[in-house]
Amino acid sequence: MAESFDLLMDVSPKKLAWNFLVHVVRLWKAPCRYNPKEINSIEMGGRIQASVPKALVRRWNDNIDEFKMYKMSNFIVVDKREKTKTSMNRWTLNFSHRTVVLLVENPTFPLQAFRLTQISELLNADRINDSQLIDIMGEVVGKEDPKELITSKGKETKRLAILVEDLDNYRIGCVLFGDMVDQILPYLDDGRVEPLIVVLQFFRPSRWNEKTSVQSHFDISKLRINPDLEEVRDFRDRRLAAIPSNLVRISQVNTNNSHSGADELKRGDVTVNTIEEALNSTQEGPLWIAGTIVAINSGKDDWFYKSCRKCPKKVETPIGNRYECGKCGHTHGSASLRFKVEVMAYDGTGSITLLLWDRETVQLCGRQAEQIKDEEELYAEGYPAALESLLERKLLFKVNVKSSNIKLYDQVYTVMKVCEDDTIFEMHLPNKTFSTVTDTGCSNSVDLSAAMVDINNLSDSQYSVDVVEDSVTSLKCKTPAKTATMVLKQQIPINIENEEELGFSTNKLTRNRRKRQKMQLHDSNE
């Protein structure tokens, strides 16, 4: 009499004597939270998830392999309710001391390892469910250069973005982290003419700034390169029928629009404005400017903010010992620190206040906010010493001119991208700017109409406007912008004969001006 087996779709917690005949399609070892070298559990995912608890890890470690068939019986069915899911089935099969696993040498049905999601389905979805890990198959048609990075916990790792295309010519960006970068790099040779087929197993989908992509998710994800499986061979044959193998198949691309903005500027269709033009702009939207960072406005406690560990949204005071994000709903025990640095840039036509967020600040100073937060003893002028590297940097900024900047006179402009390439900087430098900028980035002239001066202290002075300009230049080089106006108010002498040229307006000056005009009119009538 043939042995009977249960179906995974029928699993419930109402019995223990379950008996299955299954292929293991994905297996990973979850490390201990406090000791990464120690295995906390062995996990298996696919049509349903199975879990070997820590107490039984030694018994089953290295005794179960992927893509093999087993008879498995006697499980405890539980509802783990994990946020990240590898299966559509809500139940998890927990191994116990009664669980029996037997290898089947001759499988009785074919292996169907993946539940593939179509790229077009992801791209056209109204909403992305980033808690459900998915499988995607495609050919690698583009690549970026790998990058070294440091995680929020200070761990060094690698990052590589590739572009994957399916049989319908739909493309999606994929971000690989850690060991997966070293795994695929040998296959990304320039001039490759053979198709590189990959299966992205248990990858997390995401959508950010209207761009949909997938990325590896810790130990759960698996990158399979040209696996010897029937469905992969069929995919390869169909791709070769559409695109001959004598063509170069992988090109150098940029799947994330370049954080530096260099590619956007290299296209040649970008106009770089002066700071004066940006300040006078009456049209909302992004524009590029060139400038030198001459001051950092941030103090000891306002150069960073606490954010959700899943998205950049700011999180408020914790509820108990947990933080809850109001945007994505993610709950976590500790908040992440991200940069929020206010600086002033100058170009010879004027000065502008810019807000650098985390991505751009990390790009410029090369460190994470959490890395330098512990260096409070190194603070200079109220902000971390690590931010000193921003000063005197000549950069191209892509700023967002908002309605509040135009109608409400908001003086802070948000930076969307930066470019620190010196060659590109010189190519896009407006002719009007930097004519008086010295090698140190300090200007020999300044628009004094922007200075705040105590009118009660106005009196005749032996100092000329040149002296005033030199004083302001010195202040711009040595004094943070936040305190510059206070020092100006106390120290700068003004020549009262130049008040019209300088643009000051007070009741006293207006009366004197009217008096002189009346006298001139009287003289002309005579």
Protein backbone atom coordinates (compact mmCIF):
# COMPACT_ATOMS: atom_id res chain seq x y z
CA MET A 1 0.00 0.00 0.00
CA ALA A 2 1.36 3.41 -1.05
CA GLU A 3 2.39 5.79 1.68
CA SER A 4 0.08 8.80 2.01
CA PHE A 5 1.36 12.34 2.44
CA ASP A 6 -0.24 15.57 3.57
CA LEU A 7 -0.44 18.74 1.50
CA LEU A 8 1.28 21.92 2.65
CA MET A 9 -1.84 23.94 1.88
CA ASP A 10 -3.76 21.89 4.46
CA VAL A 11 -1.41 22.66 7.38
CA SER A 12 -3.04 23.81 10.62
CA PRO A 13 -2.09 23.74 14.32
CA LYS A 14 -4.75 21.12 15.07
CA LYS A 15 -2.45 18.10 14.85
CA LEU A 16 1.21 17.05 15.19
CA ALA A 17 1.44 13.90 13.06
CA TRP A 18 2.06 15.62 9.75
CA ASN A 19 3.77 13.68 6.96
CA PHE A 20 5.20 15.47 3.92
CA LEU A 21 7.16 14.67 0.77
CA VAL A 22 8.91 17.91 -0.19
CA HIS A 23 11.85 19.55 -1.93
CA VAL A 24 13.91 22.01 0.14
CA VAL A 25 14.21 25.07 -2.10
CA ARG A 26 15.96 27.47 0.27
CA LEU A 27 17.89 26.95 3.50
CA TRP A 28 19.79 29.48 5.61
CA LYS A 29 21.29 29.70 9.07
CA ALA A 30 20.12 32.61 11.21
CA PRO A 31 22.93 33.93 13.45
CA CYS A 32 22.47 34.74 17.10
CA ARG A 33 21.65 38.38 17.69
CA TYR A 34 24.37 38.90 20.27
CA ASN A 35 26.96 36.51 18.83
CA PRO A 36 27.00 36.41 15.00
CA LYS A 37 29.31 33.38 15.02
CA GLU A 38 26.69 31.29 16.81
CA ILE A 39 23.73 29.76 14.94
CA ASN A 40 20.41 30.67 16.48
CA SER A 41 18.22 28.60 14.14
CA ILE A 42 18.11 26.86 10.77
CA GLU A 43 15.38 28.19 8.48
CA MET A 44 13.82 26.70 5.35
CA GLY A 45 11.50 28.66 3.07
CA GLY A 46 9.37 28.18 -0.02
CA ARG A 47 5.74 27.08 -0.15
CA ILE A 48 5.86 27.06 3.64
CA GLN A 49 8.53 27.96 6.18
CA ALA A 50 10.14 25.41 8.50
CA SER A 51 12.36 26.24 11.46
CA VAL A 52 14.91 24.25 13.47
CA PRO A 53 15.21 25.85 16.93
CA LYS A 54 18.56 26.50 18.60
CA ALA A 55 18.29 23.43 20.85
CA LEU A 56 18.18 21.13 17.77
CA VAL A 57 20.65 22.97 15.50
CA ARG A 58 23.51 20.56 16.25
CA ARG A 59 21.35 17.57 15.32
CA TRP A 60 20.27 18.89 11.92
CA ASN A 61 23.21 21.13 10.98
CA ASP A 62 24.67 20.05 7.59
CA ASN A 63 22.16 17.15 7.34
CA ILE A 64 19.66 18.91 5.07
CA ASP A 65 20.57 20.34 1.64
CA GLU A 66 18.85 22.62 -0.86
CA PHE A 67 17.21 21.19 -4.00
CA LYS A 68 16.92 17.68 -2.51
CA MET A 69 13.75 15.76 -1.71
CA TYR A 70 12.94 14.54 1.81
CA LYS A 71 10.23 12.74 3.73
CA MET A 72 9.50 14.87 6.78
CA SER A 73 7.09 14.04 9.57
CA ASN A 74 5.98 15.17 13.03
CA PHE A 75 5.97 18.95 13.37
CA ILE A 76 4.66 21.56 15.77
CA VAL A 77 2.68 24.09 13.75
CA VAL A 78 3.02 27.67 14.99
CA ASP A 79 2.15 31.15 13.79
CA LYS A 80 5.40 33.13 13.95
CA ARG A 81 3.87 36.33 12.60
CA GLU A 82 7.21 37.58 11.35
CA LYS A 83 7.27 40.90 9.54
CA THR A 84 9.48 39.58 6.72
CA LYS A 85 7.81 36.64 4.99
CA THR A 86 9.28 34.02 2.68
CA SER A 87 5.96 32.23 2.09
CA MET A 88 2.34 33.09 1.50
CA ASN A 89 1.42 30.44 4.08
CA ARG A 90 0.90 31.95 7.55
CA TRP A 91 2.02 28.79 9.39
CA THR A 92 5.55 27.66 10.28
CA LEU A 93 6.62 24.02 10.79
CA ASN A 94 8.74 23.87 13.94
CA PHE A 95 11.11 20.91 14.29
CA SER A 96 10.89 19.03 17.58
CA HIS A 97 12.72 16.04 19.12
CA ARG A 98 10.10 13.81 17.43
CA THR A 99 10.67 15.18 13.90
CA VAL A 100 11.93 12.62 11.36
CA VAL A 101 13.70 13.55 8.10
CA LEU A 102 14.63 10.97 5.44
CA LEU A 103 16.43 11.67 2.15
CA VAL A 104 14.64 10.47 -1.03
CA GLU A 105 17.24 9.25 -3.52
CA ASN A 106 14.89 9.16 -6.52
CA PRO A 107 12.47 12.13 -6.46
CA THR A 108 8.95 11.22 -7.52
CA PHE A 109 8.05 14.67 -8.88
CA PRO A 110 10.12 17.44 -10.53
CA LEU A 111 11.65 20.31 -8.60
CA GLN A 112 9.97 23.70 -9.06
CA ALA A 113 12.28 25.77 -6.92
CA PHE A 114 11.01 29.28 -7.55
CA ARG A 115 7.78 31.22 -7.48
CA LEU A 116 8.78 33.89 -9.97
CA THR A 117 7.36 37.40 -9.92
CA GLN A 118 7.17 39.22 -13.25
CA ILE A 119 9.14 42.47 -13.43
CA SER A 120 6.24 44.19 -15.18
CA GLU A 121 4.00 43.24 -12.26
CA LEU A 122 6.32 45.03 -9.85
CA LEU A 123 6.81 48.10 -12.02
CA ASN A 124 3.06 48.57 -12.55
CA ALA A 125 1.93 47.80 -9.00
CA ASP A 126 0.08 50.60 -7.23
CA ARG A 127 1.70 49.63 -3.95
CA ILE A 128 4.78 47.57 -3.12
CA ASN A 129 4.52 45.03 -0.29
CA ASP A 130 8.10 45.11 0.98
CA SER A 131 7.42 42.57 3.72
CA GLN A 132 6.93 39.72 1.21
CA LEU A 133 10.22 38.46 -0.26
CA ILE A 134 10.02 37.46 -3.92
CA ASP A 135 11.90 35.54 -6.65
CA ILE A 136 12.95 37.14 -9.96
CA MET A 137 14.75 35.64 -12.97
CA GLY A 138 16.50 37.69 -15.62
CA GLU A 139 19.64 38.43 -17.60
CA VAL A 140 22.18 40.90 -16.23
CA VAL A 141 22.40 43.70 -18.83
CA GLY A 142 23.94 46.51 -16.79
CA LYS A 143 26.25 47.07 -13.85
CA GLU A 144 27.65 49.77 -11.63
CA ASP A 145 31.05 49.85 -10.01
CA PRO A 146 31.09 48.20 -6.56
CA LYS A 147 31.28 50.53 -3.58
CA GLU A 148 32.58 50.15 -0.07
CA LEU A 149 30.22 51.32 2.65
CA ILE A 150 29.71 51.24 6.39
CA THR A 151 26.38 50.20 7.88
CA SER A 152 24.53 52.16 10.56
CA LYS A 153 26.05 49.76 13.10
CA GLY A 154 29.59 50.49 11.92
CA LYS A 155 30.10 47.26 9.95
CA GLU A 156 32.11 47.44 6.72
CA THR A 157 30.44 45.86 3.69
CA LYS A 158 30.11 46.20 -0.09
CA ARG A 159 27.35 47.34 -2.38
CA LEU A 160 26.79 46.67 -6.09
CA ALA A 161 23.86 47.65 -8.30
CA ILE A 162 23.03 45.63 -11.42
CA LEU A 163 20.29 45.86 -14.04
CA VAL A 164 18.21 42.75 -14.80
CA GLU A 165 16.03 42.23 -17.89
CA ASP A 166 13.34 39.59 -18.45
CA LEU A 167 11.98 37.93 -21.60
CA ASP A 168 9.54 40.80 -22.19
CA ASN A 169 12.43 43.33 -22.08
CA TYR A 170 11.29 44.82 -18.79
CA ARG A 171 14.18 45.98 -16.62
CA ILE A 172 14.60 46.46 -12.89
CA GLY A 173 17.50 47.57 -10.71
CA CYS A 174 18.89 45.13 -8.16
CA VAL A 175 21.17 46.01 -5.24
CA LEU A 176 23.50 43.35 -3.85
CA PHE A 177 25.27 43.58 -0.51
CA GLY A 178 28.13 41.78 1.23
CA ASP A 179 29.36 38.43 -0.07
CA MET A 180 27.01 38.55 -3.06
CA VAL A 181 29.17 41.32 -4.55
CA ASP A 182 32.27 39.07 -4.50
CA GLN A 183 30.15 36.21 -5.84
CA ILE A 184 29.05 37.98 -9.03
CA LEU A 185 32.05 40.20 -9.82
CA PRO A 186 34.02 37.47 -11.69
CA TYR A 187 31.10 37.15 -14.12
CA LEU A 188 30.87 40.86 -14.96
CA ASP A 189 33.80 41.02 -17.37
CA ASP A 190 33.79 43.80 -19.96
CA GLY A 191 32.91 42.52 -23.41
CA ARG A 192 31.00 39.46 -22.20
CA VAL A 193 29.00 37.92 -25.08
CA GLU A 194 27.40 34.98 -23.24
CA PRO A 195 24.17 35.72 -21.32
CA LEU A 196 24.52 35.91 -17.55
CA ILE A 197 21.28 34.52 -16.12
CA VAL A 198 20.58 35.10 -12.45
CA VAL A 199 17.80 34.07 -10.10
CA LEU A 200 17.22 36.51 -7.24
CA GLN A 201 15.68 34.29 -4.58
CA PHE A 202 13.91 35.85 -1.60
CA PHE A 203 14.78 39.47 -2.47
CA ARG A 204 12.96 42.43 -0.96
CA PRO A 205 11.09 44.76 -3.33
CA SER A 206 11.08 48.48 -2.65
CA ARG A 207 9.92 51.74 -4.16
CA TRP A 208 11.71 54.99 -3.42
CA ASN A 209 11.16 58.32 -5.20
CA GLU A 210 8.85 56.53 -7.67
CA LYS A 211 11.62 54.08 -8.64
CA THR A 212 11.02 50.36 -8.11
CA SER A 213 13.91 48.00 -7.36
CA VAL A 214 14.81 44.86 -5.43
CA GLN A 215 17.64 44.25 -2.99
CA SER A 216 19.15 41.40 -1.02
CA HIS A 217 17.85 40.93 2.51
CA PHE A 218 20.49 39.75 5.01
CA ASP A 219 21.05 35.97 5.18
CA ILE A 220 17.65 35.09 3.74
CA SER A 221 18.33 36.14 0.14
CA LYS A 222 20.16 33.91 -2.31
CA LEU A 223 21.85 34.88 -5.58
CA ARG A 224 21.92 31.98 -8.03
CA ILE A 225 24.16 32.51 -11.08
CA ASN A 226 23.45 30.35 -14.17
CA PRO A 227 21.96 27.52 -12.08
CA ASP A 228 21.60 24.19 -13.88
CA LEU A 229 17.82 24.03 -13.74
CA GLU A 230 15.27 23.33 -16.46
CA GLU A 231 13.49 26.67 -16.12
CA VAL A 232 16.81 28.55 -16.33
CA ARG A 233 17.89 26.66 -19.43
CA ASP A 234 14.57 27.47 -21.08
CA PHE A 235 14.99 31.16 -20.21
CA ARG A 236 18.51 31.16 -21.65
CA ASP A 237 17.43 29.58 -24.95
CA ARG A 238 14.65 32.11 -25.42
CA ARG A 239 16.99 35.03 -24.70
CA LEU A 240 19.55 33.76 -27.20
CA ALA A 241 16.84 33.43 -29.82
CA ALA A 242 16.01 37.10 -29.36
CA ILE A 243 19.54 38.48 -28.89
CA PRO A 244 22.49 36.72 -30.62
CA SER A 245 25.42 35.76 -28.40
CA ASN A 246 27.98 37.70 -30.46
CA LEU A 247 26.86 41.03 -28.97
CA VAL A 248 28.22 42.63 -25.81
CA ARG A 249 25.54 41.94 -23.24
CA ILE A 250 26.52 43.90 -20.10
CA SER A 251 27.04 47.64 -20.20
CA GLN A 252 28.17 50.15 -17.59
CA VAL A 253 25.06 51.91 -16.31
CA ASN A 254 23.82 53.88 -13.36
CA THR A 255 20.63 52.43 -11.91
CA ASN A 256 20.15 54.95 -9.10
CA ASN A 257 20.62 58.27 -10.92
CA SER A 258 24.01 58.88 -9.34
CA HIS A 259 24.07 60.35 -5.87
CA SER A 260 26.83 62.72 -6.96
CA GLY A 261 24.89 64.14 -9.90
CA ALA A 262 27.98 63.82 -12.13
CA ASP A 263 26.16 61.84 -14.85
CA GLU A 264 23.37 64.41 -15.02
CA LEU A 265 25.92 67.18 -15.55
CA LYS A 266 27.95 65.20 -18.07
CA ARG A 267 24.95 64.92 -20.40
CA GLY A 268 25.48 68.57 -21.27
CA ASP A 269 21.85 69.68 -21.04
CA VAL A 270 22.16 71.26 -17.59
CA THR A 271 22.44 75.00 -16.98
CA VAL A 272 24.30 76.03 -13.84
CA ASN A 273 22.96 79.25 -12.32
CA THR A 274 24.61 81.81 -10.09
CA ILE A 275 23.51 82.02 -6.48
CA GLU A 276 22.02 85.45 -7.22
CA GLU A 277 19.88 83.93 -9.97
CA ALA A 278 18.77 81.12 -7.65
CA LEU A 279 17.77 83.57 -4.92
CA ASN A 280 15.77 85.62 -7.44
CA SER A 281 14.13 82.61 -9.09
CA THR A 282 10.32 82.79 -9.23
CA GLN A 283 9.86 79.30 -10.66
CA GLU A 284 9.49 76.22 -8.47
CA GLY A 285 11.64 73.19 -9.17
CA PRO A 286 15.25 72.00 -9.20
CA LEU A 287 18.20 74.00 -10.50
CA TRP A 288 21.98 73.72 -10.30
CA ILE A 289 24.29 76.26 -8.70
CA ALA A 290 28.04 76.41 -8.08
CA GLY A 291 29.46 77.60 -4.79
CA THR A 292 32.05 77.31 -2.05
CA ILE A 293 30.93 76.25 1.43
CA VAL A 294 32.09 79.11 3.66
CA ALA A 295 30.27 78.36 6.93
CA ILE A 296 28.42 75.64 8.83
CA ASN A 297 25.30 76.87 10.59
CA SER A 298 24.63 73.72 12.61
CA GLY A 299 25.30 73.54 16.32
CA LYS A 300 25.92 70.77 18.79
CA ASP A 301 22.45 69.19 18.67
CA ASP A 302 21.01 70.17 15.28
CA TRP A 303 23.44 68.59 12.78
CA PHE A 304 21.59 65.25 12.97
CA TYR A 305 18.11 63.87 13.60
CA LYS A 306 16.66 60.57 14.79
CA SER A 307 15.02 58.58 12.03
CA CYS A 308 13.32 55.29 11.36
CA ARG A 309 15.79 52.47 10.63
CA LYS A 310 13.76 51.45 7.59
CA CYS A 311 13.03 54.82 5.97
CA PRO A 312 14.45 58.36 6.42
CA LYS A 313 11.34 59.61 8.24
CA LYS A 314 12.01 61.44 11.50
CA VAL A 315 10.78 59.62 14.60
CA GLU A 316 9.59 61.44 17.69
CA THR A 317 9.89 60.59 21.37
CA PRO A 318 9.78 56.81 21.88
CA ILE A 319 6.73 55.10 23.29
CA GLY A 320 8.15 53.20 26.22
CA ASN A 321 11.35 51.67 24.89
CA ARG A 322 10.20 51.46 21.25
CA TYR A 323 10.16 53.87 18.31
CA GLU A 324 7.30 53.73 15.82
CA CYS A 325 7.56 55.32 12.38
CA GLY A 326 4.50 57.29 11.35
CA LYS A 327 5.29 56.82 7.65
CA CYS A 328 6.08 53.13 7.15
CA GLY A 329 4.76 51.81 10.48
CA HIS A 330 8.06 50.10 11.32
CA THR A 331 8.68 49.64 15.06
CA HIS A 332 12.19 49.29 16.44
CA GLY A 333 14.06 49.47 19.71
CA SER A 334 16.46 52.24 18.70
CA ALA A 335 16.37 55.08 16.22
CA SER A 336 18.96 55.67 13.49
CA LEU A 337 20.97 58.89 13.32
CA ARG A 338 21.05 60.75 10.01
CA PHE A 339 22.71 63.98 8.93
CA LYS A 340 20.82 67.27 8.64
CA VAL A 341 23.51 69.91 8.18
CA GLU A 342 22.86 73.56 7.33
CA VAL A 343 25.68 75.34 5.49
CA MET A 344 26.26 78.60 3.64
CA ALA A 345 27.69 78.69 0.11
CA TYR A 346 29.16 81.69 -1.73
CA ASP A 347 30.01 82.31 -5.39
CA GLY A 348 30.86 85.99 -5.86
CA THR A 349 27.27 87.03 -6.64
CA GLY A 350 25.82 86.24 -3.24
CA SER A 351 25.47 83.74 -0.42
CA ILE A 352 22.80 81.09 0.05
CA THR A 353 21.79 78.85 2.95
CA LEU A 354 21.68 75.18 1.98
CA LEU A 355 20.36 72.13 3.82
CA LEU A 356 22.39 68.95 3.29
CA TRP A 357 20.58 65.74 4.18
CA ASP A 358 22.15 62.39 5.05
CA ARG A 359 22.99 61.08 1.59
CA GLU A 360 24.85 64.18 0.44
CA THR A 361 26.66 64.71 3.75
CA VAL A 362 27.86 61.11 3.84
CA GLN A 363 29.09 61.53 0.27
CA LEU A 364 31.10 64.63 1.18
CA CYS A 365 32.54 63.67 4.56
CA GLY A 366 32.73 59.91 3.99
CA ARG A 367 31.30 58.93 7.38
CA GLN A 368 27.95 58.02 8.90
CA ALA A 369 26.29 60.24 11.50
CA GLU A 370 26.28 57.44 14.07
CA GLN A 371 30.05 57.05 13.64
CA ILE A 372 30.87 60.61 14.65
CA LYS A 373 28.15 61.06 17.28
CA ASP A 374 30.45 59.49 19.89
CA GLU A 375 33.17 62.04 19.15
CA GLU A 376 31.59 64.88 21.09
CA GLU A 377 34.90 65.65 22.75
CA LEU A 378 36.19 66.70 19.31
CA TYR A 379 33.48 69.28 18.70
CA ALA A 380 34.68 72.54 17.16
CA GLU A 381 32.45 75.63 16.95
CA GLY A 382 29.55 73.50 18.22
CA TYR A 383 29.51 70.84 15.48
CA PRO A 384 31.62 67.66 15.10
CA ALA A 385 35.16 68.11 13.90
CA ALA A 386 34.46 65.59 11.13
CA LEU A 387 32.24 68.19 9.43
CA GLU A 388 35.18 70.60 9.12
CA SER A 389 36.02 68.82 5.86
CA LEU A 390 32.95 70.48 4.29
CA LEU A 391 34.43 73.97 4.62
CA GLU A 392 36.07 75.60 1.59
CA ARG A 393 34.76 72.85 -0.72
CA LYS A 394 33.92 74.07 -4.22
CA LEU A 395 30.88 72.09 -5.30
CA LEU A 396 27.97 71.96 -7.68
CA PHE A 397 24.62 71.76 -5.87
CA LYS A 398 21.26 70.70 -7.25
CA VAL A 399 18.81 72.66 -5.09
CA ASN A 400 15.04 72.53 -4.91
CA VAL A 401 13.35 75.92 -5.16
CA LYS A 402 10.08 75.53 -3.26
CA SER A 403 7.01 77.69 -2.98
CA SER A 404 8.08 78.70 0.51
CA ASN A 405 11.37 80.04 -0.88
CA ILE A 406 9.50 82.21 -3.38
CA LYS A 407 6.35 83.33 -1.54
CA LEU A 408 7.26 83.03 2.14
CA TYR A 409 10.89 84.12 1.78
CA ASP A 410 12.22 80.92 3.31
CA GLN A 411 15.99 81.41 3.13
CA VAL A 412 16.93 77.72 3.41
CA TYR A 413 17.18 75.75 0.15
CA THR A 414 17.21 71.94 0.19
CA VAL A 415 20.05 70.20 -1.66
CA MET A 416 18.96 67.26 -3.84
CA LYS A 417 22.36 66.26 -5.23
CA VAL A 418 25.98 67.39 -5.13
CA CYS A 419 28.88 66.98 -7.52
CA GLU A 420 32.43 67.27 -6.20
CA ASP A 421 34.28 66.55 -9.43
CA ASP A 422 36.74 69.42 -10.00
CA THR A 423 36.78 68.98 -13.78
CA ILE A 424 33.00 69.09 -14.05
CA PHE A 425 32.95 72.06 -11.66
CA GLU A 426 35.25 74.10 -13.92
CA MET A 427 33.29 73.11 -17.04
CA HIS A 428 29.98 74.34 -15.61
CA LEU A 429 31.17 77.43 -13.77
CA PRO A 430 29.03 80.46 -14.69
CA ASN A 431 31.08 83.34 -16.08
CA LYS A 432 29.72 85.78 -13.47
CA THR A 433 30.84 83.82 -10.45
CA PHE A 434 34.05 83.38 -8.51
CA SER A 435 35.76 86.35 -10.17
CA THR A 436 36.85 87.55 -6.75
CA VAL A 437 37.26 84.22 -4.98
CA THR A 438 40.74 83.55 -3.68
CA ASP A 439 42.47 80.19 -3.43
CA THR A 440 41.04 79.70 0.06
CA GLY A 441 37.50 80.22 -1.15
CA CYS A 442 37.12 83.57 0.65
CA SER A 443 35.77 86.51 -1.28
CA ASN A 444 37.31 89.96 -1.55
CA SER A 445 33.90 91.58 -1.81
CA VAL A 446 30.47 91.14 -0.28
CA ASP A 447 26.95 92.47 -0.69
CA LEU A 448 26.69 94.72 2.38
CA SER A 449 22.97 95.23 1.93
CA ALA A 450 22.53 91.77 3.41
CA ALA A 451 24.34 92.71 6.63
CA MET A 452 22.34 93.55 9.78
CA VAL A 453 23.77 96.64 11.45
CA ASP A 454 22.73 98.43 14.61
CA ILE A 455 21.42 101.75 13.26
CA ASN A 456 21.85 103.45 16.63
CA ASN A 457 25.60 103.04 16.28
CA LEU A 458 25.76 104.72 12.86
CA SER A 459 28.13 107.65 12.88
CA ASP A 460 30.78 109.27 10.81
CA SER A 461 33.73 106.97 10.44
CA GLN A 462 37.23 107.16 9.13
CA TYR A 463 36.89 103.62 7.83
CA SER A 464 36.18 103.16 4.16
CA VAL A 465 33.94 100.59 2.56
CA ASP A 466 37.05 98.61 1.67
CA VAL A 467 37.77 98.11 5.36
CA VAL A 468 34.22 96.91 5.86
CA GLU A 469 34.59 94.44 2.99
CA ASP A 470 37.81 93.07 4.43
CA SER A 471 36.15 92.63 7.80
CA VAL A 472 33.29 90.67 6.28
CA THR A 473 35.71 88.54 4.27
CA SER A 474 37.59 87.64 7.41
CA LEU A 475 34.37 86.78 9.17
CA LYS A 476 33.19 84.54 6.35
CA CYS A 477 36.39 82.55 6.56
CA LYS A 478 36.63 82.18 10.33
CA THR A 479 33.19 82.64 11.88
CA PRO A 480 30.24 80.23 11.57
CA ALA A 481 27.36 81.85 9.69
CA LYS A 482 25.01 81.47 12.64
CA THR A 483 27.06 83.95 14.69
CA ALA A 484 28.37 86.12 11.85
CA THR A 485 25.50 88.63 11.94
CA MET A 486 25.89 89.11 15.68
CA VAL A 487 29.58 89.94 15.26
CA LEU A 488 28.81 92.22 12.33
CA LYS A 489 26.32 94.11 14.47
CA GLN A 490 28.88 94.73 17.15
CA GLN A 491 32.06 95.40 15.19
CA ILE A 492 31.51 96.82 11.70
CA PRO A 493 31.86 100.64 11.34
CA ILE A 494 29.85 102.18 8.49
CA ASN A 495 30.54 105.33 6.52
CA ILE A 496 27.28 107.31 6.79
CA GLU A 497 27.95 109.11 3.52
CA ASN A 498 27.35 105.86 1.67
CA GLU A 499 24.02 104.97 3.23
CA GLU A 500 22.10 105.29 -0.04
CA GLU A 501 24.57 103.09 -1.85
CA LEU A 502 24.49 100.54 0.95
CA GLY A 503 20.71 100.41 0.88
CA PHE A 504 19.92 101.19 4.55
CA SER A 505 16.44 102.57 5.24
CA THR A 506 15.45 104.26 8.51
CA ASN A 507 13.14 107.10 9.48
CA LYS A 508 16.09 109.30 10.38
CA LEU A 509 17.86 108.72 7.09
CA THR A 510 14.64 109.24 5.15
CA ARG A 511 14.07 112.65 6.76
CA ASN A 512 17.63 113.73 5.96
CA ARG A 513 17.26 112.60 2.38
CA ARG A 514 13.96 114.50 1.95
CA LYS A 515 15.54 117.61 3.46
CA ARG A 516 18.42 117.51 0.98
CA GLN A 517 15.98 116.95 -1.91
CA LYS A 518 13.94 120.00 -0.87
CA MET A 519 17.09 122.13 -0.70
CA GLN A 520 18.17 120.96 -4.14
CA LEU A 521 14.71 121.71 -5.55
CA HIS A 522 14.76 125.18 -3.99
CA ASP A 523 18.20 125.91 -5.48
CA SER A 524 17.07 124.79 -8.92
CA ASN A 525 13.99 127.05 -8.78
CA GLU A 526 16.15 130.01 -7.95
